[in-house]
Amino acid sequence: MSSIKTITDSEFDVELEKATKPVLAYFWASWCGPCRLVSPSVEWAADEYGDRLNVLKLEVDPNPEAVKKCQVEGVPALRLFQNGQLIASHEGAITKQGLTSFLDTHL
């Protein structure tokens, strides 16, 4: 079972505010080929880092407010928040090793 929580614009701020640990927001699109490559790594990270990280998944097209707020210009995109503040971001495809390095640097 994946520990990724799929959310919408209306839930985004609430999820960040109530989080007691860092939050990784994963922005994706159904039409995005690289997203299909990155999704398994994000699911792995949600399971592997679940004790110290919340992972949120937002589809970009139906959630323009969160996309705008996080300044997402391309997908896949990752935004890492701590205490409601953006601390790191990545856009474009990322390998599992790259994702591990990204998370380990900031957690």
N, C-alpha and C. Protein backbone atom coordinates (compact mmCIF):
# COMPACT_ATOMS: atom_id res chain seq x y z
N MET A 1 0.84 -1.19 0.00
CA MET A 1 0.00 0.00 0.00
C MET A 1 0.88 1.24 0.00
N SER A 2 0.59 2.14 -0.88
CA SER A 2 1.37 3.36 -1.00
C SER A 2 0.99 4.34 0.10
N SER A 3 1.99 5.07 0.60
CA SER A 3 1.71 6.08 1.62
C SER A 3 1.65 7.47 1.00
N ILE A 4 1.38 7.51 -0.31
CA ILE A 4 1.18 8.79 -0.99
C ILE A 4 -0.27 9.21 -0.82
N LYS A 5 -0.47 10.48 -0.52
CA LYS A 5 -1.83 11.00 -0.39
C LYS A 5 -2.10 11.89 -1.60
N THR A 6 -3.10 11.52 -2.39
CA THR A 6 -3.51 12.32 -3.54
C THR A 6 -4.45 13.41 -3.05
N ILE A 7 -4.10 14.67 -3.37
CA ILE A 7 -4.90 15.79 -2.88
C ILE A 7 -5.24 16.75 -4.02
N THR A 8 -6.04 17.78 -3.68
CA THR A 8 -6.45 18.81 -4.63
C THR A 8 -6.05 20.18 -4.09
N ASP A 9 -6.26 21.20 -4.91
CA ASP A 9 -5.96 22.58 -4.51
C ASP A 9 -6.50 22.92 -3.14
N SER A 10 -7.76 22.56 -2.90
CA SER A 10 -8.42 22.97 -1.66
C SER A 10 -7.78 22.34 -0.42
N GLU A 11 -7.06 21.25 -0.59
CA GLU A 11 -6.44 20.56 0.56
C GLU A 11 -4.97 20.94 0.75
N PHE A 12 -4.37 21.58 -0.24
CA PHE A 12 -2.93 21.79 -0.25
C PHE A 12 -2.43 22.56 0.98
N ASP A 13 -2.98 23.76 1.21
CA ASP A 13 -2.53 24.58 2.35
C ASP A 13 -2.76 23.87 3.67
N VAL A 14 -3.90 23.21 3.81
CA VAL A 14 -4.23 22.50 5.05
C VAL A 14 -3.20 21.40 5.32
N GLU A 15 -2.86 20.65 4.27
CA GLU A 15 -1.88 19.57 4.43
C GLU A 15 -0.52 20.12 4.87
N LEU A 16 -0.12 21.24 4.30
CA LEU A 16 1.17 21.84 4.70
C LEU A 16 1.12 22.34 6.14
N GLU A 17 0.01 22.97 6.52
CA GLU A 17 -0.12 23.54 7.86
C GLU A 17 -0.17 22.47 8.95
N LYS A 18 -0.85 21.37 8.68
CA LYS A 18 -1.01 20.34 9.72
C LYS A 18 0.14 19.35 9.78
N ALA A 19 1.06 19.43 8.83
CA ALA A 19 2.16 18.46 8.76
C ALA A 19 3.09 18.59 9.96
N THR A 20 3.42 17.46 10.54
CA THR A 20 4.37 17.43 11.66
C THR A 20 5.76 17.00 11.20
N LYS A 21 5.88 16.68 9.93
CA LYS A 21 7.18 16.32 9.35
C LYS A 21 7.26 16.94 7.96
N PRO A 22 8.42 16.95 7.33
CA PRO A 22 8.54 17.54 6.00
C PRO A 22 7.53 16.93 5.02
N VAL A 23 7.17 17.72 4.01
CA VAL A 23 6.19 17.31 3.00
C VAL A 23 6.84 17.39 1.62
N LEU A 24 6.75 16.29 0.88
CA LEU A 24 7.19 16.26 -0.50
C LEU A 24 5.94 16.31 -1.37
N ALA A 25 5.79 17.39 -2.14
CA ALA A 25 4.67 17.51 -3.07
C ALA A 25 5.16 17.09 -4.45
N TYR A 26 4.46 16.12 -5.02
CA TYR A 26 4.81 15.58 -6.34
C TYR A 26 3.74 16.03 -7.33
N PHE A 27 4.14 16.86 -8.28
CA PHE A 27 3.24 17.36 -9.31
C PHE A 27 3.43 16.54 -10.57
N TRP A 28 2.32 16.07 -11.15
CA TRP A 28 2.40 15.18 -12.30
C TRP A 28 1.22 15.45 -13.25
N ALA A 29 1.24 14.79 -14.39
CA ALA A 29 0.14 14.87 -15.35
C ALA A 29 -0.02 13.52 -16.04
N SER A 30 -1.25 13.17 -16.35
CA SER A 30 -1.53 11.88 -16.99
C SER A 30 -0.91 11.80 -18.38
N TRP A 31 -0.73 12.93 -19.04
CA TRP A 31 -0.18 12.97 -20.40
C TRP A 31 1.34 13.05 -20.41
N CYS A 32 1.97 13.04 -19.26
CA CYS A 32 3.42 13.25 -19.13
C CYS A 32 4.18 11.92 -19.08
N GLY A 33 4.94 11.65 -20.14
CA GLY A 33 5.75 10.43 -20.19
C GLY A 33 6.76 10.33 -19.06
N PRO A 34 7.57 11.37 -18.82
CA PRO A 34 8.54 11.31 -17.72
C PRO A 34 7.88 11.08 -16.35
N CYS A 35 6.64 11.55 -16.19
CA CYS A 35 5.94 11.31 -14.92
C CYS A 35 5.73 9.82 -14.68
N ARG A 36 5.45 9.08 -15.75
CA ARG A 36 5.26 7.64 -15.62
C ARG A 36 6.56 6.96 -15.19
N LEU A 37 7.70 7.53 -15.57
CA LEU A 37 8.99 6.98 -15.16
C LEU A 37 9.33 7.34 -13.72
N VAL A 38 8.93 8.52 -13.28
CA VAL A 38 9.27 9.02 -11.95
C VAL A 38 8.33 8.48 -10.86
N SER A 39 7.08 8.24 -11.22
CA SER A 39 6.08 7.83 -10.22
C SER A 39 6.49 6.64 -9.35
N PRO A 40 7.06 5.56 -9.92
CA PRO A 40 7.47 4.44 -9.06
C PRO A 40 8.53 4.85 -8.03
N SER A 41 9.43 5.76 -8.40
CA SER A 41 10.45 6.21 -7.45
C SER A 41 9.83 7.05 -6.34
N VAL A 42 8.83 7.86 -6.68
CA VAL A 42 8.15 8.67 -5.67
C VAL A 42 7.38 7.75 -4.71
N GLU A 43 6.75 6.71 -5.26
CA GLU A 43 6.05 5.75 -4.40
C GLU A 43 7.03 5.02 -3.49
N TRP A 44 8.19 4.65 -4.03
CA TRP A 44 9.22 4.02 -3.22
C TRP A 44 9.65 4.95 -2.10
N ALA A 45 9.88 6.22 -2.42
CA ALA A 45 10.31 7.20 -1.42
C ALA A 45 9.25 7.37 -0.33
N ALA A 46 7.97 7.36 -0.72
CA ALA A 46 6.89 7.50 0.26
C ALA A 46 6.93 6.36 1.26
N ASP A 47 7.23 5.17 0.78
CA ASP A 47 7.32 4.01 1.67
C ASP A 47 8.63 4.02 2.46
N GLU A 48 9.72 4.30 1.79
CA GLU A 48 11.05 4.25 2.41
C GLU A 48 11.25 5.35 3.45
N TYR A 49 10.73 6.55 3.17
CA TYR A 49 10.92 7.70 4.05
C TYR A 49 9.65 8.04 4.84
N GLY A 50 8.69 7.16 4.81
CA GLY A 50 7.39 7.43 5.43
C GLY A 50 7.43 7.80 6.90
N ASP A 51 8.47 7.35 7.61
CA ASP A 51 8.58 7.67 9.03
C ASP A 51 9.01 9.11 9.26
N ARG A 52 9.56 9.77 8.22
CA ARG A 52 10.03 11.15 8.41
C ARG A 52 9.62 12.09 7.29
N LEU A 53 8.65 11.65 6.46
CA LEU A 53 8.24 12.46 5.32
C LEU A 53 6.80 12.14 4.93
N ASN A 54 6.01 13.18 4.65
CA ASN A 54 4.68 13.00 4.06
C ASN A 54 4.80 13.27 2.57
N VAL A 55 4.18 12.44 1.75
CA VAL A 55 4.23 12.63 0.30
C VAL A 55 2.82 12.91 -0.22
N LEU A 56 2.70 14.05 -0.91
CA LEU A 56 1.44 14.46 -1.51
C LEU A 56 1.56 14.41 -3.02
N LYS A 57 0.51 14.03 -3.68
CA LYS A 57 0.51 13.91 -5.14
C LYS A 57 -0.60 14.80 -5.69
N LEU A 58 -0.23 15.69 -6.61
CA LEU A 58 -1.20 16.60 -7.21
C LEU A 58 -1.09 16.53 -8.73
N GLU A 59 -2.22 16.30 -9.39
CA GLU A 59 -2.24 16.35 -10.85
C GLU A 59 -2.33 17.83 -11.25
N VAL A 60 -1.46 18.27 -12.15
CA VAL A 60 -1.34 19.70 -12.43
C VAL A 60 -2.59 20.32 -13.08
N ASP A 61 -3.18 19.66 -14.05
CA ASP A 61 -4.28 20.28 -14.79
C ASP A 61 -5.49 20.67 -13.92
N PRO A 62 -5.98 19.79 -13.03
CA PRO A 62 -7.13 20.19 -12.21
C PRO A 62 -6.76 20.99 -10.95
N ASN A 63 -5.48 21.28 -10.74
CA ASN A 63 -5.06 21.96 -9.52
C ASN A 63 -4.17 23.18 -9.80
N PRO A 64 -4.71 24.17 -10.54
CA PRO A 64 -3.89 25.31 -10.96
C PRO A 64 -3.42 26.20 -9.81
N GLU A 65 -4.16 26.25 -8.70
CA GLU A 65 -3.76 27.11 -7.59
C GLU A 65 -2.46 26.62 -6.94
N ALA A 66 -2.37 25.34 -6.66
CA ALA A 66 -1.15 24.78 -6.06
C ALA A 66 0.01 24.89 -7.04
N VAL A 67 -0.27 24.67 -8.32
CA VAL A 67 0.77 24.79 -9.36
C VAL A 67 1.33 26.20 -9.37
N LYS A 68 0.45 27.19 -9.31
CA LYS A 68 0.87 28.59 -9.31
C LYS A 68 1.64 28.92 -8.04
N LYS A 69 1.11 28.51 -6.92
CA LYS A 69 1.73 28.80 -5.63
C LYS A 69 3.15 28.22 -5.55
N CYS A 70 3.34 27.04 -6.12
CA CYS A 70 4.64 26.36 -6.07
C CYS A 70 5.50 26.66 -7.29
N GLN A 71 5.00 27.54 -8.17
CA GLN A 71 5.72 27.95 -9.36
C GLN A 71 6.20 26.76 -10.20
N VAL A 72 5.30 25.81 -10.39
CA VAL A 72 5.61 24.64 -11.21
C VAL A 72 5.53 25.05 -12.67
N GLU A 73 6.63 24.88 -13.38
CA GLU A 73 6.68 25.26 -14.79
C GLU A 73 6.74 24.04 -15.71
N GLY A 74 7.05 22.88 -15.16
CA GLY A 74 7.10 21.66 -15.94
C GLY A 74 6.89 20.46 -15.04
N VAL A 75 6.48 19.36 -15.63
CA VAL A 75 6.27 18.14 -14.85
C VAL A 75 7.14 17.03 -15.41
N PRO A 76 7.53 16.09 -14.57
CA PRO A 76 7.23 16.01 -13.15
C PRO A 76 7.97 17.09 -12.36
N ALA A 77 7.39 17.46 -11.23
CA ALA A 77 8.01 18.46 -10.36
C ALA A 77 7.90 18.01 -8.91
N LEU A 78 8.93 18.30 -8.16
CA LEU A 78 8.96 17.99 -6.73
C LEU A 78 9.17 19.28 -5.96
N ARG A 79 8.42 19.44 -4.87
CA ARG A 79 8.60 20.56 -3.96
C ARG A 79 8.67 19.99 -2.56
N LEU A 80 9.72 20.34 -1.84
CA LEU A 80 9.91 19.84 -0.48
C LEU A 80 9.69 20.99 0.50
N PHE A 81 8.78 20.78 1.42
CA PHE A 81 8.42 21.80 2.41
C PHE A 81 8.78 21.33 3.81
N GLN A 82 9.18 22.28 4.64
CA GLN A 82 9.40 22.00 6.06
C GLN A 82 8.79 23.16 6.83
N ASN A 83 7.95 22.85 7.80
CA ASN A 83 7.22 23.87 8.56
C ASN A 83 6.49 24.84 7.64
N GLY A 84 5.92 24.31 6.56
CA GLY A 84 5.15 25.11 5.63
C GLY A 84 5.96 25.94 4.65
N GLN A 85 7.29 25.90 4.77
CA GLN A 85 8.16 26.69 3.91
C GLN A 85 8.84 25.80 2.86
N LEU A 86 8.93 26.31 1.65
CA LEU A 86 9.62 25.58 0.58
C LEU A 86 11.12 25.57 0.87
N ILE A 87 11.71 24.37 0.94
CA ILE A 87 13.15 24.29 1.21
C ILE A 87 13.93 23.72 0.03
N ALA A 88 13.25 23.05 -0.91
CA ALA A 88 13.96 22.50 -2.07
C ALA A 88 12.95 22.21 -3.17
N SER A 89 13.44 22.25 -4.41
CA SER A 89 12.57 21.92 -5.54
C SER A 89 13.37 21.27 -6.65
N HIS A 90 12.66 20.52 -7.47
CA HIS A 90 13.27 19.85 -8.62
C HIS A 90 12.21 19.75 -9.70
N GLU A 91 12.59 20.03 -10.94
CA GLU A 91 11.67 19.85 -12.06
C GLU A 91 12.32 18.95 -13.09
N GLY A 92 11.51 18.11 -13.70
CA GLY A 92 12.01 17.19 -14.71
C GLY A 92 12.18 15.80 -14.13
N ALA A 93 12.48 14.86 -15.01
CA ALA A 93 12.66 13.47 -14.59
C ALA A 93 13.83 13.37 -13.61
N ILE A 94 13.72 12.45 -12.69
CA ILE A 94 14.76 12.22 -11.70
C ILE A 94 14.84 10.72 -11.46
N THR A 95 16.05 10.20 -11.35
CA THR A 95 16.22 8.77 -11.10
C THR A 95 15.95 8.48 -9.63
N LYS A 96 15.79 7.21 -9.31
CA LYS A 96 15.60 6.82 -7.92
C LYS A 96 16.81 7.26 -7.09
N GLN A 97 18.01 7.07 -7.65
CA GLN A 97 19.23 7.49 -6.96
C GLN A 97 19.25 9.02 -6.76
N GLY A 98 18.81 9.75 -7.79
CA GLY A 98 18.74 11.21 -7.70
C GLY A 98 17.74 11.65 -6.65
N LEU A 99 16.60 10.98 -6.60
CA LEU A 99 15.57 11.29 -5.61
C LEU A 99 16.10 11.01 -4.20
N THR A 100 16.78 9.90 -4.04
CA THR A 100 17.37 9.56 -2.74
C THR A 100 18.34 10.65 -2.30
N SER A 101 19.18 11.08 -3.20
CA SER A 101 20.16 12.15 -2.91
C SER A 101 19.45 13.45 -2.57
N PHE A 102 18.41 13.80 -3.33
CA PHE A 102 17.62 15.00 -3.10
C PHE A 102 17.03 15.00 -1.68
N LEU A 103 16.43 13.86 -1.30
CA LEU A 103 15.81 13.76 0.02
C LEU A 103 16.84 13.72 1.14
N ASP A 104 17.89 12.93 0.96
CA ASP A 104 18.90 12.80 2.00
C ASP A 104 19.59 14.13 2.30
N THR A 105 19.74 14.96 1.29
CA THR A 105 20.37 16.27 1.46
C THR A 105 19.55 17.17 2.38
N HIS A 106 18.23 17.01 2.35
CA HIS A 106 17.34 17.95 3.04
C HIS A 106 16.63 17.38 4.26
N LEU A 107 16.70 16.08 4.47
CA LEU A 107 15.99 15.50 5.62
C LEU A 107 16.94 15.21 6.77
